[in-house]
Amino acid sequence: MSYFAKLDSDKVITSVVVAAAIDDCGPGDWLQVFMGDSHPKRQGKKGWVYNADLDAIVGPKPFPSWTINTDNYSWQAPVSE
């Protein structure tokens, strides 16, 4: 069994289900996701967003000035010098 996330039109995860194959999930836009630390780019959580450019799932952006860290796919605050 695998985990699959249903994406809305904005690529936001609306639900995560367990199924044998993606074809078993029903109609809609589905993406295989993983739980745990084995695939940090593809950890599916409701409300998180699939970024096709990064081929990664990222949490909601906390502030407009924050940028994505592509090493761990988490949001980073701007650094003041």
Protein backbone atom coordinates (compact mmCIF):
# COMPACT_ATOMS: atom_id res chain seq x y z
CA MET A 1 0.00 0.00 0.00
CA SER A 2 1.11 3.54 -0.76
CA TYR A 3 0.10 7.09 0.14
CA PHE A 4 -1.47 9.43 -2.41
CA ALA A 5 -2.36 13.11 -2.06
CA LYS A 6 -5.30 14.71 -3.84
CA LEU A 7 -4.43 18.13 -5.25
CA ASP A 8 -6.82 20.99 -5.95
CA SER A 9 -6.44 23.34 -8.92
CA ASP A 10 -3.82 25.39 -7.00
CA LYS A 11 -1.84 22.19 -6.23
CA VAL A 12 -2.78 22.34 -2.55
CA ILE A 13 -3.16 18.94 -0.87
CA THR A 14 -6.79 18.46 0.14
CA SER A 15 -6.52 14.88 1.41
CA VAL A 16 -4.11 11.96 1.74
CA VAL A 17 -5.28 8.37 1.25
CA VAL A 18 -3.77 4.91 1.37
CA ALA A 19 -4.30 2.80 -1.74
CA ALA A 20 -2.68 -0.04 -3.65
CA ALA A 21 -2.21 2.12 -6.76
CA ILE A 22 -2.91 5.65 -7.95
CA ASP A 23 -5.67 4.30 -10.20
CA ASP A 24 -7.57 3.20 -7.07
CA CYS A 25 -7.84 6.78 -5.77
CA GLY A 26 -10.72 7.91 -7.95
CA PRO A 27 -11.13 10.99 -10.11
CA GLY A 28 -8.96 14.03 -9.57
CA ASP A 29 -5.32 15.09 -9.63
CA TRP A 30 -3.33 12.65 -7.45
CA LEU A 31 0.36 12.53 -6.49
CA GLN A 32 2.22 9.74 -4.72
CA VAL A 33 3.56 10.95 -1.39
CA PHE A 34 5.54 9.43 1.45
CA MET A 35 5.43 9.57 5.22
CA GLY A 36 8.53 9.81 7.38
CA ASP A 37 11.99 11.02 6.48
CA SER A 38 12.72 8.67 3.57
CA HIS A 39 11.57 11.17 0.90
CA PRO A 40 11.61 14.71 2.37
CA LYS A 41 10.59 16.27 -0.98
CA ARG A 42 7.39 14.25 -1.09
CA GLN A 43 5.99 14.27 2.45
CA GLY A 44 2.27 14.77 1.96
CA LYS A 45 0.36 16.85 4.48
CA LYS A 46 -3.08 18.38 4.12
CA GLY A 47 -2.80 22.08 3.29
CA TRP A 48 0.73 21.81 1.90
CA VAL A 49 1.47 22.68 -1.74
CA TYR A 50 3.05 20.69 -4.57
CA ASN A 51 5.63 22.86 -6.36
CA ALA A 52 6.10 21.40 -9.84
CA ASP A 53 9.25 23.46 -10.51
CA LEU A 54 10.96 21.84 -7.51
CA ASP A 55 9.06 18.54 -7.84
CA ALA A 56 8.55 18.89 -4.09
CA ILE A 57 5.83 19.44 -1.52
CA VAL A 58 6.32 22.50 0.67
CA GLY A 59 4.45 23.88 3.64
CA PRO A 60 2.50 27.12 3.44
CA LYS A 61 4.75 30.17 3.03
CA PRO A 62 4.83 31.90 6.45
CA PHE A 63 5.77 35.40 5.20
CA PRO A 64 6.16 36.95 1.73
CA SER A 65 9.88 37.63 2.27
CA TRP A 66 10.78 34.01 3.06
CA THR A 67 12.41 31.79 0.42
CA ILE A 68 12.51 28.05 -0.03
CA ASN A 69 15.65 26.17 0.99
CA THR A 70 16.14 23.59 -1.75
CA ASP A 71 18.38 21.45 0.46
CA ASN A 72 15.54 20.52 2.83
CA TYR A 73 12.46 22.12 1.17
CA SER A 74 11.62 24.28 4.16
CA TRP A 75 11.02 28.04 4.29
CA GLN A 76 13.92 30.23 5.40
CA ALA A 77 13.67 33.69 6.91
CA PRO A 78 15.73 36.44 5.25
CA VAL A 79 19.11 36.95 6.84
CA SER A 80 19.90 40.48 7.92
CA GLU A 81 23.52 41.53 7.66
